[in-house]
C-alpha atoms as a PDB file:
ATOM      1  CA  UNK A   1     -25.108  18.928 -17.763  1.00  0.00           C
ATOM      2  CA  UNK A   2     -23.564  16.060 -15.753  1.00  0.00           C
ATOM      3  CA  UNK A   3     -24.689  15.637 -12.163  1.00  0.00           C
ATOM      4  CA  UNK A   4     -22.423  16.805  -9.371  1.00  0.00           C
ATOM      5  CA  UNK A   5     -19.802  14.302  -8.309  1.00  0.00           C
ATOM      6  CA  UNK A   6     -19.901  12.507  -4.990  1.00  0.00           C
ATOM      7  CA  UNK A   7     -16.873  14.571  -3.911  1.00  0.00           C
ATOM      8  CA  UNK A   8     -18.508  17.897  -4.773  1.00  0.00           C
ATOM      9  CA  UNK A   9     -21.729  16.906  -3.048  1.00  0.00           C
ATOM     10  CA  UNK A  10     -19.851  16.075   0.142  1.00  0.00           C
ATOM     11  CA  UNK A  11     -17.992  19.385   0.175  1.00  0.00           C
ATOM     12  CA  UNK A  12     -21.261  21.222  -0.521  1.00  0.00           C
ATOM     13  CA  UNK A  13     -22.937  19.471   2.419  1.00  0.00           C
ATOM     14  CA  UNK A  14     -20.053  20.364   4.728  1.00  0.00           C
ATOM     15  CA  UNK A  15     -19.971  23.971   3.575  1.00  0.00           C
ATOM     16  CA  UNK A  16     -23.684  24.335   4.352  1.00  0.00           C
ATOM     17  CA  UNK A  17     -22.926  23.135   7.902  1.00  0.00           C
ATOM     18  CA  UNK A  18     -19.858  25.333   8.268  1.00  0.00           C
ATOM     19  CA  UNK A  19     -17.738  22.191   8.618  1.00  0.00           C
ATOM     20  CA  UNK A  20     -14.476  21.025   7.033  1.00  0.00           C
ATOM     21  CA  UNK A  21     -13.612  17.749   5.307  1.00  0.00           C
ATOM     22  CA  UNK A  22     -11.477  15.045   6.895  1.00  0.00           C
ATOM     23  CA  UNK A  23      -9.734  13.082   4.129  1.00  0.00           C
ATOM     24  CA  UNK A  24      -7.526  10.253   5.403  1.00  0.00           C
ATOM     25  CA  UNK A  25      -5.059   8.436   3.144  1.00  0.00           C
ATOM     26  CA  UNK A  26      -4.238   4.729   3.285  1.00  0.00           C
ATOM     27  CA  UNK A  27      -2.225   2.495   0.964  1.00  0.00           C
ATOM     28  CA  UNK A  28      -4.371   0.047  -0.950  1.00  0.00           C
ATOM     29  CA  UNK A  29      -3.176  -3.490  -0.230  1.00  0.00           C
ATOM     30  CA  UNK A  30      -1.022  -2.693   2.804  1.00  0.00           C
ATOM     31  CA  UNK A  31      -0.387  -5.348   3.899  1.00  0.00           C
ATOM     32  CA  UNK A  32      -3.334  -7.061   2.197  1.00  0.00           C
ATOM     33  CA  UNK A  33      -6.566  -6.031   0.480  1.00  0.00           C
ATOM     34  CA  UNK A  34      -8.496  -7.663   3.322  1.00  0.00           C
ATOM     35  CA  UNK A  35      -6.739  -5.383   5.819  1.00  0.00           C
ATOM     36  CA  UNK A  36      -7.479  -2.374   3.603  1.00  0.00           C
ATOM     37  CA  UNK A  37     -11.160  -3.290   3.588  1.00  0.00           C
ATOM     38  CA  UNK A  38     -11.089  -3.354   7.390  1.00  0.00           C
ATOM     39  CA  UNK A  39      -9.352   0.038   7.466  1.00  0.00           C
ATOM     40  CA  UNK A  40     -11.985   1.585   5.199  1.00  0.00           C
ATOM     41  CA  UNK A  41     -14.665   0.564   7.705  1.00  0.00           C
ATOM     42  CA  UNK A  42     -12.639   2.028  10.584  1.00  0.00           C
ATOM     43  CA  UNK A  43     -12.115   5.296   8.689  1.00  0.00           C
ATOM     44  CA  UNK A  44     -15.785   5.606   7.839  1.00  0.00           C
ATOM     45  CA  UNK A  45     -16.869   4.832  11.404  1.00  0.00           C
ATOM     46  CA  UNK A  46     -14.449   7.513  12.660  1.00  0.00           C
ATOM     47  CA  UNK A  47     -16.097  10.175  10.497  1.00  0.00           C
ATOM     48  CA  UNK A  48     -14.023  10.380   7.317  1.00  0.00           C
ATOM     49  CA  UNK A  49     -15.662  12.485   4.611  1.00  0.00           C
ATOM     50  CA  UNK A  50     -13.692  10.881   1.768  1.00  0.00           C
ATOM     51  CA  UNK A  51     -10.851   8.376   1.522  1.00  0.00           C
ATOM     52  CA  UNK A  52      -7.706   8.677  -0.550  1.00  0.00           C
ATOM     53  CA  UNK A  53      -6.451   5.245  -1.589  1.00  0.00           C
ATOM     54  CA  UNK A  54      -2.808   5.078  -2.569  1.00  0.00           C
ATOM     55  CA  UNK A  55      -1.870   2.797  -5.437  1.00  0.00           C
ATOM     56  CA  UNK A  56       1.472   1.108  -4.752  1.00  0.00           C
ATOM     57  CA  UNK A  57       4.279   2.021  -7.141  1.00  0.00           C
ATOM     58  CA  UNK A  58       7.955   1.079  -7.181  1.00  0.00           C
ATOM     59  CA  UNK A  59       9.239   4.661  -7.525  1.00  0.00           C
ATOM     60  CA  UNK A  60       6.976   6.906  -5.403  1.00  0.00           C
ATOM     61  CA  UNK A  61       8.827  10.197  -5.776  1.00  0.00           C
ATOM     62  CA  UNK A  62       6.419  12.318  -3.709  1.00  0.00           C
ATOM     63  CA  UNK A  63       6.283   9.937  -0.768  1.00  0.00           C
ATOM     64  CA  UNK A  64       8.357   9.683   2.357  1.00  0.00           C
ATOM     65  CA  UNK A  65       9.651   6.526   4.068  1.00  0.00           C
ATOM     66  CA  UNK A  66       6.382   5.574   5.796  1.00  0.00           C
ATOM     67  CA  UNK A  67       4.348   5.479   2.595  1.00  0.00           C
ATOM     68  CA  UNK A  68       7.244   4.026   0.601  1.00  0.00           C
ATOM     69  CA  UNK A  69       7.336   1.116   3.055  1.00  0.00           C
ATOM     70  CA  UNK A  70       3.557   0.714   2.791  1.00  0.00           C
ATOM     71  CA  UNK A  71       3.839   0.627  -1.008  1.00  0.00           C
ATOM     72  CA  UNK A  72       6.531  -2.036  -0.802  1.00  0.00           C
ATOM     73  CA  UNK A  73       4.309  -4.215   1.399  1.00  0.00           C
ATOM     74  CA  UNK A  74       1.377  -3.789  -0.990  1.00  0.00           C
ATOM     75  CA  UNK A  75       3.515  -4.583  -4.035  1.00  0.00           C
ATOM     76  CA  UNK A  76       4.748  -7.711  -2.276  1.00  0.00           C
ATOM     77  CA  UNK A  77       1.096  -8.710  -1.876  1.00  0.00           C
ATOM     78  CA  UNK A  78       0.632  -8.374  -5.651  1.00  0.00           C
ATOM     79  CA  UNK A  79      -1.439  -5.192  -5.601  1.00  0.00           C
ATOM     80  CA  UNK A  80      -1.263  -2.876  -8.619  1.00  0.00           C
ATOM     81  CA  UNK A  81      -3.510  -0.294 -10.286  1.00  0.00           C
ATOM     82  CA  UNK A  82      -5.848  -2.893 -11.750  1.00  0.00           C
ATOM     83  CA  UNK A  83      -6.174  -4.597  -8.377  1.00  0.00           C
ATOM     84  CA  UNK A  84      -6.869  -1.249  -6.687  1.00  0.00           C
ATOM     85  CA  UNK A  85      -9.666  -0.504  -9.139  1.00  0.00           C
ATOM     86  CA  UNK A  86     -11.093  -3.966  -8.524  1.00  0.00           C
ATOM     87  CA  UNK A  87     -10.913  -3.333  -4.786  1.00  0.00           C
ATOM     88  CA  UNK A  88     -12.944  -0.142  -5.163  1.00  0.00           C
ATOM     89  CA  UNK A  89     -15.529  -2.086  -7.169  1.00  0.00           C
ATOM     90  CA  UNK A  90     -15.867  -4.481  -4.250  1.00  0.00           C
ATOM     91  CA  UNK A  91     -16.085  -1.979  -1.407  1.00  0.00           C
ATOM     92  CA  UNK A  92     -18.301   0.445  -3.356  1.00  0.00           C
ATOM     93  CA  UNK A  93     -21.161  -1.879  -2.427  1.00  0.00           C
ATOM     94  CA  UNK A  94     -20.338  -1.258   1.239  1.00  0.00           C
ATOM     95  CA  UNK A  95     -19.672   2.478   1.399  1.00  0.00           C
ATOM     96  CA  UNK A  96     -21.020   5.689  -0.083  1.00  0.00           C
ATOM     97  CA  UNK A  97     -17.966   7.723   0.835  1.00  0.00           C
ATOM     98  CA  UNK A  98     -16.116   9.442  -2.018  1.00  0.00           C
ATOM     99  CA  UNK A  99     -13.111   7.288  -2.961  1.00  0.00           C
ATOM    100  CA  UNK A 100     -10.064   8.882  -4.575  1.00  0.00           C
ATOM    101  CA  UNK A 101      -7.145   7.016  -6.138  1.00  0.00           C
ATOM    102  CA  UNK A 102      -3.673   8.507  -5.725  1.00  0.00           C
ATOM    103  CA  UNK A 103      -1.464   6.935  -8.377  1.00  0.00           C
ATOM    104  CA  UNK A 104       1.649   7.820 -10.311  1.00  0.00           C
ATOM    105  CA  UNK A 105       1.411   8.339 -14.049  1.00  0.00           C
ATOM    106  CA  UNK A 106       3.393   5.318 -15.243  1.00  0.00           C
ATOM    107  CA  UNK A 107       0.718   2.786 -14.180  1.00  0.00           C
ATOM    108  CA  UNK A 108      -1.987   4.959 -15.798  1.00  0.00           C
ATOM    109  CA  UNK A 109       0.032   5.246 -19.010  1.00  0.00           C
ATOM    110  CA  UNK A 110       0.555   1.488 -19.163  1.00  0.00           C
ATOM    111  CA  UNK A 111      -3.121   0.867 -18.427  1.00  0.00           C
ATOM    112  CA  UNK A 112      -4.194   3.430 -21.054  1.00  0.00           C
ATOM    113  CA  UNK A 113      -5.796   6.715 -20.017  1.00  0.00           C
ATOM    114  CA  UNK A 114      -9.167   5.984 -21.601  1.00  0.00           C
ATOM    115  CA  UNK A 115      -9.368   2.434 -20.250  1.00  0.00           C
ATOM    116  CA  UNK A 116      -8.238   3.599 -16.833  1.00  0.00           C
ATOM    117  CA  UNK A 117     -10.843   6.364 -16.682  1.00  0.00           C
ATOM    118  CA  UNK A 118     -13.613   4.058 -17.871  1.00  0.00           C
ATOM    119  CA  UNK A 119     -12.744   1.173 -15.540  1.00  0.00           C
ATOM    120  CA  UNK A 120     -12.138   3.399 -12.526  1.00  0.00           C
ATOM    121  CA  UNK A 121     -15.433   5.246 -12.956  1.00  0.00           C
ATOM    122  CA  UNK A 122     -17.315   1.993 -13.531  1.00  0.00           C
ATOM    123  CA  UNK A 123     -15.842   0.548 -10.326  1.00  0.00           C
ATOM    124  CA  UNK A 124     -16.988   3.573  -8.333  1.00  0.00           C
ATOM    125  CA  UNK A 125     -13.815   5.656  -8.108  1.00  0.00           C
ATOM    126  CA  UNK A 126     -14.782   9.315  -7.715  1.00  0.00           C
ATOM    127  CA  UNK A 127     -11.500  11.099  -8.323  1.00  0.00           C
ATOM    128  CA  UNK A 128      -7.867  10.620  -9.226  1.00  0.00           C
ATOM    129  CA  UNK A 129      -4.663  12.334  -8.071  1.00  0.00           C
ATOM    130  CA  UNK A 130      -1.519  11.868 -10.177  1.00  0.00           C
ATOM    131  CA  UNK A 131       1.231  13.823  -8.376  1.00  0.00           C
ATOM    132  CA  UNK A 132       3.898  13.382 -11.054  1.00  0.00           C
ATOM    133  CA  UNK A 133       1.671  14.499 -13.941  1.00  0.00           C
ATOM    134  CA  UNK A 134       1.963  18.284 -14.419  1.00  0.00           C
ATOM    135  CA  UNK A 135      -1.286  19.986 -15.299  1.00  0.00           C
ATOM    136  CA  UNK A 136       0.347  21.294 -18.492  1.00  0.00           C
ATOM    137  CA  UNK A 137       0.803  17.698 -19.710  1.00  0.00           C
ATOM    138  CA  UNK A 138      -2.515  16.292 -18.514  1.00  0.00           C
ATOM    139  CA  UNK A 139      -4.910  17.358 -21.288  1.00  0.00           C
ATOM    140  CA  UNK A 140      -5.600  13.847 -22.607  1.00  0.00           C
ATOM    141  CA  UNK A 141      -6.174  12.385 -19.136  1.00  0.00           C
ATOM    142  CA  UNK A 142      -8.440  15.303 -18.260  1.00  0.00           C
ATOM    143  CA  UNK A 143     -10.513  14.686 -21.397  1.00  0.00           C
ATOM    144  CA  UNK A 144     -10.888  10.963 -20.773  1.00  0.00           C
ATOM    145  CA  UNK A 145     -11.692  11.559 -17.115  1.00  0.00           C
ATOM    146  CA  UNK A 146     -14.361  14.123 -18.026  1.00  0.00           C
ATOM    147  CA  UNK A 147     -15.971  11.658 -20.433  1.00  0.00           C
ATOM    148  CA  UNK A 148     -16.446   9.240 -17.556  1.00  0.00           C
ATOM    149  CA  UNK A 149     -17.327  11.781 -14.830  1.00  0.00           C
ATOM    150  CA  UNK A 150     -14.088  11.113 -12.954  1.00  0.00           C
ATOM    151  CA  UNK A 151     -12.789  14.086 -10.985  1.00  0.00           C
ATOM    152  CA  UNK A 152      -9.190  15.132 -11.684  1.00  0.00           C
ATOM    153  CA  UNK A 153      -7.476  16.610  -8.624  1.00  0.00           C
ATOM    154  CA  UNK A 154      -4.227  18.496  -9.183  1.00  0.00           C
ATOM    155  CA  UNK A 155      -1.597  19.679  -6.738  1.00  0.00           C
ATOM    156  CA  UNK A 156      -0.434  23.215  -6.050  1.00  0.00           C
ATOM    157  CA  UNK A 157       2.540  24.054  -3.841  1.00  0.00           C
ATOM    158  CA  UNK A 158       3.818  27.012  -1.796  1.00  0.00           C
ATOM    159  CA  UNK A 159       6.238  27.734  -4.643  1.00  0.00           C
ATOM    160  CA  UNK A 160       3.463  27.937  -7.266  1.00  0.00           C
ATOM    161  CA  UNK A 161       2.987  31.348  -8.852  1.00  0.00           C
ATOM    162  CA  UNK A 162      -0.378  32.820  -9.755  1.00  0.00           C
ATOM    163  CA  UNK A 163      -0.269  31.491 -13.318  1.00  0.00           C
ATOM    164  CA  UNK A 164       0.244  27.935 -12.129  1.00  0.00           C
ATOM    165  CA  UNK A 165      -2.321  28.272  -9.351  1.00  0.00           C
ATOM    166  CA  UNK A 166      -4.808  29.399 -11.983  1.00  0.00           C
ATOM    167  CA  UNK A 167      -4.048  26.406 -14.247  1.00  0.00           C
ATOM    168  CA  UNK A 168      -4.297  23.933 -11.377  1.00  0.00           C
ATOM    169  CA  UNK A 169      -7.554  25.413 -10.113  1.00  0.00           C
ATOM    170  CA  UNK A 170      -9.197  25.396 -13.536  1.00  0.00           C
ATOM    171  CA  UNK A 171      -8.136  21.811 -14.313  1.00  0.00           C
ATOM    172  CA  UNK A 172      -9.217  20.390 -10.946  1.00  0.00           C
ATOM    173  CA  UNK A 173     -12.613  18.918 -10.202  1.00  0.00           C
ATOM    174  CA  UNK A 174     -13.872  17.890  -6.761  1.00  0.00           C
ATOM    175  CA  UNK A 175     -11.266  19.991  -4.964  1.00  0.00           C
ATOM    176  CA  UNK A 176      -7.783  21.410  -5.380  1.00  0.00           C
ATOM    177  CA  UNK A 177      -4.995  19.729  -3.404  1.00  0.00           C
ATOM    178  CA  UNK A 178      -2.634  22.284  -1.847  1.00  0.00           C
ATOM    179  CA  UNK A 179       0.659  20.847  -0.611  1.00  0.00           C
ATOM    180  CA  UNK A 180       1.450  22.525   2.692  1.00  0.00           C
ATOM    181  CA  UNK A 181       5.212  21.955   2.493  1.00  0.00           C
ATOM    182  CA  UNK A 182       7.873  21.757  -0.196  1.00  0.00           C
ATOM    183  CA  UNK A 183       8.995  18.190   0.250  1.00  0.00           C
ATOM    184  CA  UNK A 184       7.767  14.618   0.557  1.00  0.00           C
ATOM    185  CA  UNK A 185       4.848  13.172   2.477  1.00  0.00           C
ATOM    186  CA  UNK A 186       5.509  12.697   6.149  1.00  0.00           C
ATOM    187  CA  UNK A 187       7.895  15.635   6.453  1.00  0.00           C
ATOM    188  CA  UNK A 188       7.461  17.933   9.437  1.00  0.00           C
ATOM    189  CA  UNK A 189       4.681  20.455   9.017  1.00  0.00           C
ATOM    190  CA  UNK A 190       5.629  24.111   8.930  1.00  0.00           C
ATOM    191  CA  UNK A 191       2.761  26.193   7.641  1.00  0.00           C
ATOM    192  CA  UNK A 192       3.853  28.701   5.053  1.00  0.00           C
ATOM    193  CA  UNK A 193       3.081  32.340   5.903  1.00  0.00           C
ATOM    194  CA  UNK A 194       1.490  32.542   2.451  1.00  0.00           C
ATOM    195  CA  UNK A 195      -0.768  29.515   2.910  1.00  0.00           C
ATOM    196  CA  UNK A 196      -3.922  31.524   3.577  1.00  0.00           C
ATOM    197  CA  UNK A 197      -3.316  33.769   0.558  1.00  0.00           C
ATOM    198  CA  UNK A 198      -2.640  30.769  -1.712  1.00  0.00           C
ATOM    199  CA  UNK A 199      -5.795  28.998  -0.581  1.00  0.00           C
ATOM    200  CA  UNK A 200      -7.817  32.172  -1.198  1.00  0.00           C
ATOM    201  CA  UNK A 201      -6.360  32.520  -4.696  1.00  0.00           C
ATOM    202  CA  UNK A 202      -7.143  28.896  -5.532  1.00  0.00           C
ATOM    203  CA  UNK A 203     -10.736  29.390  -4.425  1.00  0.00           C
ATOM    204  CA  UNK A 204     -10.943  32.518  -6.559  1.00  0.00           C
ATOM    205  CA  UNK A 205      -9.392  30.894  -9.622  1.00  0.00           C
ATOM    206  CA  UNK A 206     -11.658  27.836  -9.323  1.00  0.00           C
ATOM    207  CA  UNK A 207     -14.812  29.904  -8.993  1.00  0.00           C
ATOM    208  CA  UNK A 208     -15.246  29.236  -5.298  1.00  0.00           C
ATOM    209  CA  UNK A 209     -14.320  25.546  -5.339  1.00  0.00           C
ATOM    210  CA  UNK A 210     -12.950  23.814  -2.242  1.00  0.00           C
ATOM    211  CA  UNK A 211      -9.260  23.526  -1.389  1.00  0.00           C
ATOM    212  CA  UNK A 212      -7.887  20.679   0.737  1.00  0.00           C
ATOM    213  CA  UNK A 213      -4.437  20.841   2.319  1.00  0.00           C
ATOM    214  CA  UNK A 214      -2.134  17.886   2.932  1.00  0.00           C
ATOM    215  CA  UNK A 215       1.482  16.747   3.512  1.00  0.00           C
ATOM    216  CA  UNK A 216       2.956  16.913   6.997  1.00  0.00           C
ATOM    217  CA  UNK A 217      -0.241  17.016   9.090  1.00  0.00           C
ATOM    218  CA  UNK A 218      -0.089  14.506  11.939  1.00  0.00           C
ATOM    219  CA  UNK A 219      -1.533  15.894  15.200  1.00  0.00           C
ATOM    220  CA  UNK A 220      -5.022  17.131  16.066  1.00  0.00           C
ATOM    221  CA  UNK A 221      -3.547  20.581  16.727  1.00  0.00           C
ATOM    222  CA  UNK A 222      -1.982  20.729  13.276  1.00  0.00           C
ATOM    223  CA  UNK A 223      -5.196  19.447  11.731  1.00  0.00           C
ATOM    224  CA  UNK A 224      -7.194  22.185  13.474  1.00  0.00           C
ATOM    225  CA  UNK A 225      -4.759  24.864  12.288  1.00  0.00           C
ATOM    226  CA  UNK A 226      -5.032  23.713   8.683  1.00  0.00           C
ATOM    227  CA  UNK A 227      -8.822  23.386   8.914  1.00  0.00           C
ATOM    228  CA  UNK A 228      -8.949  27.011   9.961  1.00  0.00           C
ATOM    229  CA  UNK A 229      -7.583  28.005   6.557  1.00  0.00           C
ATOM    230  CA  UNK A 230      -8.756  25.315   4.126  1.00  0.00           C
ATOM    231  CA  UNK A 231     -11.943  23.438   3.238  1.00  0.00           C
ATOM    232  CA  UNK A 232     -10.461  20.041   3.985  1.00  0.00           C
ATOM    233  CA  UNK A 233      -7.476  18.352   5.619  1.00  0.00           C
ATOM    234  CA  UNK A 234      -5.660  15.374   4.106  1.00  0.00           C
ATOM    235  CA  UNK A 235      -3.665  13.176   6.496  1.00  0.00           C
ATOM    236  CA  UNK A 236      -1.606  10.262   5.229  1.00  0.00           C
ATOM    237  CA  UNK A 237       1.732   9.196   6.703  1.00  0.00           C
ATOM    238  CA  UNK A 238       0.636   9.505  10.333  1.00  0.00           C
ATOM    239  CA  UNK A 239      -2.439   7.340   9.677  1.00  0.00           C
ATOM    240  CA  UNK A 240      -0.490   4.765   7.663  1.00  0.00           C
ATOM    241  CA  UNK A 241       2.060   4.486  10.482  1.00  0.00           C
ATOM    242  CA  UNK A 242      -0.619   4.188  13.161  1.00  0.00           C
ATOM    243  CA  UNK A 243      -2.467   1.536  11.117  1.00  0.00           C
ATOM    244  CA  UNK A 244       0.756  -0.439  10.753  1.00  0.00           C
ATOM    245  CA  UNK A 245       2.116  -0.116  14.289  1.00  0.00           C
ATOM    246  CA  UNK A 246      -0.946   0.192  16.508  1.00  0.00           C
ATOM    247  CA  UNK A 247      -4.135  -1.684  17.300  1.00  0.00           C
ATOM    248  CA  UNK A 248      -7.487  -1.052  15.637  1.00  0.00           C
ATOM    249  CA  UNK A 249      -8.672   0.621  18.833  1.00  0.00           C
ATOM    250  CA  UNK A 250      -5.677   2.953  18.982  1.00  0.00           C
ATOM    251  CA  UNK A 251      -6.169   3.888  15.342  1.00  0.00           C
ATOM    252  CA  UNK A 252      -9.866   4.549  15.875  1.00  0.00           C
ATOM    253  CA  UNK A 253      -9.188   6.795  18.884  1.00  0.00           C
ATOM    254  CA  UNK A 254      -6.577   8.752  16.921  1.00  0.00           C
ATOM    255  CA  UNK A 255      -8.891   9.193  13.938  1.00  0.00           C
ATOM    256  CA  UNK A 256     -11.726  10.437  16.126  1.00  0.00           C
ATOM    257  CA  UNK A 257      -9.433  13.035  17.706  1.00  0.00           C
ATOM    258  CA  UNK A 258      -8.442  14.224  14.235  1.00  0.00           C
ATOM    259  CA  UNK A 259     -12.077  14.319  13.171  1.00  0.00           C
ATOM    260  CA  UNK A 260     -13.062  16.409  16.191  1.00  0.00           C
ATOM    261  CA  UNK A 261     -10.185  18.839  15.605  1.00  0.00           C
ATOM    262  CA  UNK A 262     -11.053  19.300  11.944  1.00  0.00           C
ATOM    263  CA  UNK A 263     -14.811  19.625  12.381  1.00  0.00           C
END
């Protein structure tokens, strides 16, 4: 039996403490890989439990204007999926945090699912999120990822019925990603009345596995509300904007407030 992934181990540690995971998102290569390396250190120092690294793509359907702009800056710097994997290989020597790639399917398809899974795992990537790949069409990627002990993290939404929640939960490893809103990243958060029930069902269908909630979370108060229902909170657009517009000190202060609210 394969050993537990770095992601699972972190969630297990937090659960034993009665704590929740803080999972910040940043765009890899925005505006440079050197800046991303600096941001990883800031995130880790602020208490991140895992980091989601976005891979820039020219047609990011699930992302709002903040992350679209970040992707454009990273693409202009020449960053792509191969460069993102290479970046993880470099910073893996500096951090033990779980590192998760969020990429669209086209770059994975062009790379080749088997080669992608092998190279990503070898570099030290712990999990992958592909928001435009439905779980029903992901069997070959799931198989290649399993062969290389790479966690596959799928998305469920407020509109997902029980059958889909069950499929997503059973195909996910590390955690299940529940989208808190029906829309793009960065949209205003309005917690669905059925959020608690959906999270409970996902835990049940996954055999007690963790569920992290993202999309629309930006303030410590919102983060605390989500942490009260889920096992982890994913925050992206607000962090990307703060990293782009503010100073390192302002970003660090903001991250620490989020961390305190989630914990």
